[in-house]
Amino acid sequence: MNEKFELREIFNVEPSVIYKAWLDSGLHSKMTGGEAHCSCVPGDSFSAWDAYISGKNLELLEDHKIVQSWRTTEFSEKDADSILSISLKKISEGTELILEHSKIPEGQTQYKQGWLDHYFAPMKEFFENNNKT
C-alpha cells in the first residue's frame, strides 16, 4: 500500500508570491536553498534540491493550485511517481498552503518531515526576509 499525508501551513505572503516562487527556477532555489530547474508550463519537467527531486507539472491553476508528479532519487526504478498537490488559499494572514502528497512508495515515510524541514521552514524565512504582502 502506498503512503500519503497532508500538511497545512500559513505563509505571510499572497498566494501569487508562493505560486511564482514554486515554479521559477531562481526563486525556488533561493526559497529552499537547493538548486532547482522549474517551469510554469503544464507538461514540463522540473527538478529541485540539486536534482534529488524530479517530476512533471500535471495541472497548474495560476495562484491557486499546483499538481506535479514527484519522485526522489530514493525511489526505485520500478516505483511509480508519487503525486504532489499544492492548494493555495488567500486568508487574512496571507496564504494557507495545503500540501497533499500521495502514491508514495510503501515505507518511505521520511518525506512528511522533509517537507517541514526542507521546504516549509526555509520558505517561512525566505518570505519573511524577501517579500511583503
C-alpha atoms as a PDB file:
ATOM      1  CA  MET A   1       0.000   0.000   0.000  1.00  0.00           C
ATOM      2  CA  ASN A   2       1.267   3.481  -0.860  1.00  0.00           C
ATOM      3  CA  GLU A   3       1.926   6.176   1.721  1.00  0.00           C
ATOM      4  CA  LYS A   4       0.094   9.528   1.783  1.00  0.00           C
ATOM      5  CA  PHE A   5      -0.259  12.562   4.030  1.00  0.00           C
ATOM      6  CA  GLU A   6      -1.468  16.159   4.159  1.00  0.00           C
ATOM      7  CA  LEU A   7       0.261  19.207   5.638  1.00  0.00           C
ATOM      8  CA  ARG A   8      -1.076  22.722   6.189  1.00  0.00           C
ATOM      9  CA  GLU A   9       0.969  25.852   6.748  1.00  0.00           C
ATOM     10  CA  ILE A  10       0.338  29.605   6.829  1.00  0.00           C
ATOM     11  CA  PHE A  11       2.700  31.952   4.977  1.00  0.00           C
ATOM     12  CA  ASN A  12       2.562  35.742   5.355  1.00  0.00           C
ATOM     13  CA  VAL A  13       2.500  36.437   1.592  1.00  0.00           C
ATOM     14  CA  GLU A  14      -0.097  36.437  -1.171  1.00  0.00           C
ATOM     15  CA  PRO A  15      -0.838  33.155  -2.996  1.00  0.00           C
ATOM     16  CA  SER A  16       0.679  34.629  -6.173  1.00  0.00           C
ATOM     17  CA  VAL A  17       4.063  35.010  -4.425  1.00  0.00           C
ATOM     18  CA  ILE A  18       4.182  31.329  -3.436  1.00  0.00           C
ATOM     19  CA  TYR A  19       2.890  30.171  -6.826  1.00  0.00           C
ATOM     20  CA  LYS A  20       5.553  32.156  -8.679  1.00  0.00           C
ATOM     21  CA  ALA A  21       8.363  31.086  -6.328  1.00  0.00           C
ATOM     22  CA  TRP A  22       7.412  27.403  -6.647  1.00  0.00           C
ATOM     23  CA  LEU A  23       7.555  27.453 -10.454  1.00  0.00           C
ATOM     24  CA  ASP A  24      10.509  29.820 -11.037  1.00  0.00           C
ATOM     25  CA  SER A  25      13.970  28.207 -11.059  1.00  0.00           C
ATOM     26  CA  GLY A  26      15.804  31.093  -9.402  1.00  0.00           C
ATOM     27  CA  LEU A  27      13.177  31.815  -6.760  1.00  0.00           C
ATOM     28  CA  HIS A  28      12.644  28.134  -5.934  1.00  0.00           C
ATOM     29  CA  SER A  29      16.407  27.728  -5.472  1.00  0.00           C
ATOM     30  CA  LYS A  30      16.578  30.752  -3.150  1.00  0.00           C
ATOM     31  CA  MET A  31      13.407  29.721  -1.309  1.00  0.00           C
ATOM     32  CA  THR A  32      14.683  26.223  -0.449  1.00  0.00           C
ATOM     33  CA  GLY A  33      18.466  26.502  -0.590  1.00  0.00           C
ATOM     34  CA  GLY A  34      18.800  23.712  -3.174  1.00  0.00           C
ATOM     35  CA  GLU A  35      19.297  24.168  -6.913  1.00  0.00           C
ATOM     36  CA  ALA A  36      16.050  23.934  -8.887  1.00  0.00           C
ATOM     37  CA  HIS A  37      15.077  23.905 -12.560  1.00  0.00           C
ATOM     38  CA  CYS A  38      11.381  24.707 -12.785  1.00  0.00           C
ATOM     39  CA  SER A  39       8.746  25.683 -15.322  1.00  0.00           C
ATOM     40  CA  CYS A  40       5.305  27.275 -15.230  1.00  0.00           C
ATOM     41  CA  VAL A  41       4.124  25.233 -18.242  1.00  0.00           C
ATOM     42  CA  PRO A  42       1.859  22.183 -17.829  1.00  0.00           C
ATOM     43  CA  GLY A  43       3.638  19.025 -19.000  1.00  0.00           C
ATOM     44  CA  ASP A  44       7.126  20.439 -18.460  1.00  0.00           C
ATOM     45  CA  SER A  45       9.650  18.635 -16.275  1.00  0.00           C
ATOM     46  CA  PHE A  46      11.261  20.065 -13.150  1.00  0.00           C
ATOM     47  CA  SER A  47      13.971  19.182 -10.668  1.00  0.00           C
ATOM     48  CA  ALA A  48      14.649  20.525  -7.184  1.00  0.00           C
ATOM     49  CA  TRP A  49      17.070  20.130  -4.297  1.00  0.00           C
ATOM     50  CA  ASP A  50      20.095  19.584  -6.527  1.00  0.00           C
ATOM     51  CA  ALA A  51      18.201  17.004  -8.667  1.00  0.00           C
ATOM     52  CA  TYR A  52      17.215  14.922  -5.615  1.00  0.00           C
ATOM     53  CA  ILE A  53      13.568  15.632  -6.613  1.00  0.00           C
ATOM     54  CA  SER A  54      12.207  15.407 -10.160  1.00  0.00           C
ATOM     55  CA  GLY A  55       8.856  15.261 -11.902  1.00  0.00           C
ATOM     56  CA  LYS A  56       6.421  16.980 -14.244  1.00  0.00           C
ATOM     57  CA  ASN A  57       3.790  19.673 -13.954  1.00  0.00           C
ATOM     58  CA  LEU A  58       0.435  17.897 -14.295  1.00  0.00           C
ATOM     59  CA  GLU A  59      -2.000  20.722 -13.518  1.00  0.00           C
ATOM     60  CA  LEU A  60      -1.430  24.433 -12.922  1.00  0.00           C
ATOM     61  CA  LEU A  61      -4.147  26.855 -11.876  1.00  0.00           C
ATOM     62  CA  GLU A  62      -2.414  30.203 -11.519  1.00  0.00           C
ATOM     63  CA  ASP A  63      -2.131  31.410  -7.922  1.00  0.00           C
ATOM     64  CA  HIS A  64      -4.391  28.568  -6.698  1.00  0.00           C
ATOM     65  CA  LYS A  65      -3.140  25.060  -7.427  1.00  0.00           C
ATOM     66  CA  ILE A  66      -0.033  23.118  -8.488  1.00  0.00           C
ATOM     67  CA  VAL A  67      -0.199  19.373  -9.169  1.00  0.00           C
ATOM     68  CA  GLN A  68       3.030  17.575 -10.046  1.00  0.00           C
ATOM     69  CA  SER A  69       4.285  14.062 -10.493  1.00  0.00           C
ATOM     70  CA  TRP A  70       7.098  13.755  -7.953  1.00  0.00           C
ATOM     71  CA  ARG A  71       9.912  11.361  -7.150  1.00  0.00           C
ATOM     72  CA  THR A  72      13.274  11.378  -5.448  1.00  0.00           C
ATOM     73  CA  THR A  73      16.488   9.563  -6.109  1.00  0.00           C
ATOM     74  CA  GLU A  74      15.372   7.211  -3.276  1.00  0.00           C
ATOM     75  CA  PHE A  75      12.546   5.791  -5.437  1.00  0.00           C
ATOM     76  CA  SER A  76      13.454   2.552  -7.176  1.00  0.00           C
ATOM     77  CA  GLU A  77      13.134   2.353 -10.962  1.00  0.00           C
ATOM     78  CA  LYS A  78      10.036   0.184 -10.543  1.00  0.00           C
ATOM     79  CA  ASP A  79       8.309   2.744  -8.283  1.00  0.00           C
ATOM     80  CA  ALA A  80       5.689   4.884  -9.992  1.00  0.00           C
ATOM     81  CA  ASP A  81       5.870   8.638  -9.480  1.00  0.00           C
ATOM     82  CA  SER A  82       4.058   9.990  -6.446  1.00  0.00           C
ATOM     83  CA  ILE A  83       1.590  12.883  -6.759  1.00  0.00           C
ATOM     84  CA  LEU A  84       2.092  16.253  -5.109  1.00  0.00           C
ATOM     85  CA  SER A  85      -0.869  18.632  -4.913  1.00  0.00           C
ATOM     86  CA  ILE A  86      -0.430  22.148  -3.551  1.00  0.00           C
ATOM     87  CA  SER A  87      -3.504  24.296  -2.907  1.00  0.00           C
ATOM     88  CA  LEU A  88      -3.112  27.995  -2.125  1.00  0.00           C
ATOM     89  CA  LYS A  89      -5.936  29.768  -0.304  1.00  0.00           C
ATOM     90  CA  LYS A  90      -5.973  33.504   0.463  1.00  0.00           C
ATOM     91  CA  ILE A  91      -6.668  34.176   4.137  1.00  0.00           C
ATOM     92  CA  SER A  92      -6.361  37.265   6.327  1.00  0.00           C
ATOM     93  CA  GLU A  93      -2.841  36.278   7.478  1.00  0.00           C
ATOM     94  CA  GLY A  94      -1.632  35.713   3.898  1.00  0.00           C
ATOM     95  CA  THR A  95      -1.911  32.235   2.379  1.00  0.00           C
ATOM     96  CA  GLU A  96      -2.871  28.828   3.676  1.00  0.00           C
ATOM     97  CA  LEU A  97      -0.847  26.242   1.765  1.00  0.00           C
ATOM     98  CA  ILE A  98      -2.302  22.731   1.784  1.00  0.00           C
ATOM     99  CA  LEU A  99       0.146  20.085   0.583  1.00  0.00           C
ATOM    100  CA  GLU A 100      -1.202  16.639  -0.241  1.00  0.00           C
ATOM    101  CA  HIS A 101       1.425  14.034  -1.092  1.00  0.00           C
ATOM    102  CA  SER A 102       0.077  10.667  -2.272  1.00  0.00           C
ATOM    103  CA  LYS A 103       1.166   7.470  -4.014  1.00  0.00           C
ATOM    104  CA  ILE A 104       4.484   7.461  -2.128  1.00  0.00           C
ATOM    105  CA  PRO A 105       6.210   4.067  -2.226  1.00  0.00           C
ATOM    106  CA  GLU A 106       5.424   1.972   0.838  1.00  0.00           C
ATOM    107  CA  GLY A 107       7.781   2.541   3.745  1.00  0.00           C
ATOM    108  CA  GLN A 108       9.090   5.908   2.551  1.00  0.00           C
ATOM    109  CA  THR A 109       7.599   7.950   5.378  1.00  0.00           C
ATOM    110  CA  GLN A 110      10.525  10.388   5.651  1.00  0.00           C
ATOM    111  CA  TYR A 111       9.009  12.865   3.206  1.00  0.00           C
ATOM    112  CA  LYS A 112       6.490  14.299   5.665  1.00  0.00           C
ATOM    113  CA  GLN A 113       9.287  15.591   7.919  1.00  0.00           C
ATOM    114  CA  GLY A 114      11.291  16.510   4.822  1.00  0.00           C
ATOM    115  CA  TRP A 115       8.583  18.927   3.682  1.00  0.00           C
ATOM    116  CA  LEU A 116       8.582  20.584   7.098  1.00  0.00           C
ATOM    117  CA  ASP A 117      12.370  20.833   7.431  1.00  0.00           C
ATOM    118  CA  HIS A 118      13.489  21.410   3.846  1.00  0.00           C
ATOM    119  CA  TYR A 119      10.567  23.379   2.425  1.00  0.00           C
ATOM    120  CA  PHE A 120       8.252  24.984   4.972  1.00  0.00           C
ATOM    121  CA  ALA A 121      10.950  26.200   7.386  1.00  0.00           C
ATOM    122  CA  PRO A 122      13.172  27.788   4.704  1.00  0.00           C
ATOM    123  CA  MET A 123      10.098  29.144   2.873  1.00  0.00           C
ATOM    124  CA  LYS A 124       8.944  30.981   6.004  1.00  0.00           C
ATOM    125  CA  GLU A 125      12.381  32.535   6.421  1.00  0.00           C
ATOM    126  CA  PHE A 126      12.653  33.402   2.722  1.00  0.00           C
ATOM    127  CA  PHE A 127       9.251  35.095   2.575  1.00  0.00           C
ATOM    128  CA  GLU A 128       9.787  36.975   5.846  1.00  0.00           C
ATOM    129  CA  ASN A 129      13.126  38.324   4.620  1.00  0.00           C
ATOM    130  CA  ASN A 130      12.342  38.954   0.944  1.00  0.00           C
ATOM    131  CA  ASN A 131       8.645  39.688   0.405  1.00  0.00           C
ATOM    132  CA  LYS A 132       5.933  41.871   1.752  1.00  0.00           C
ATOM    133  CA  THR A 133       2.207  41.204   1.375  1.00  0.00           C
END
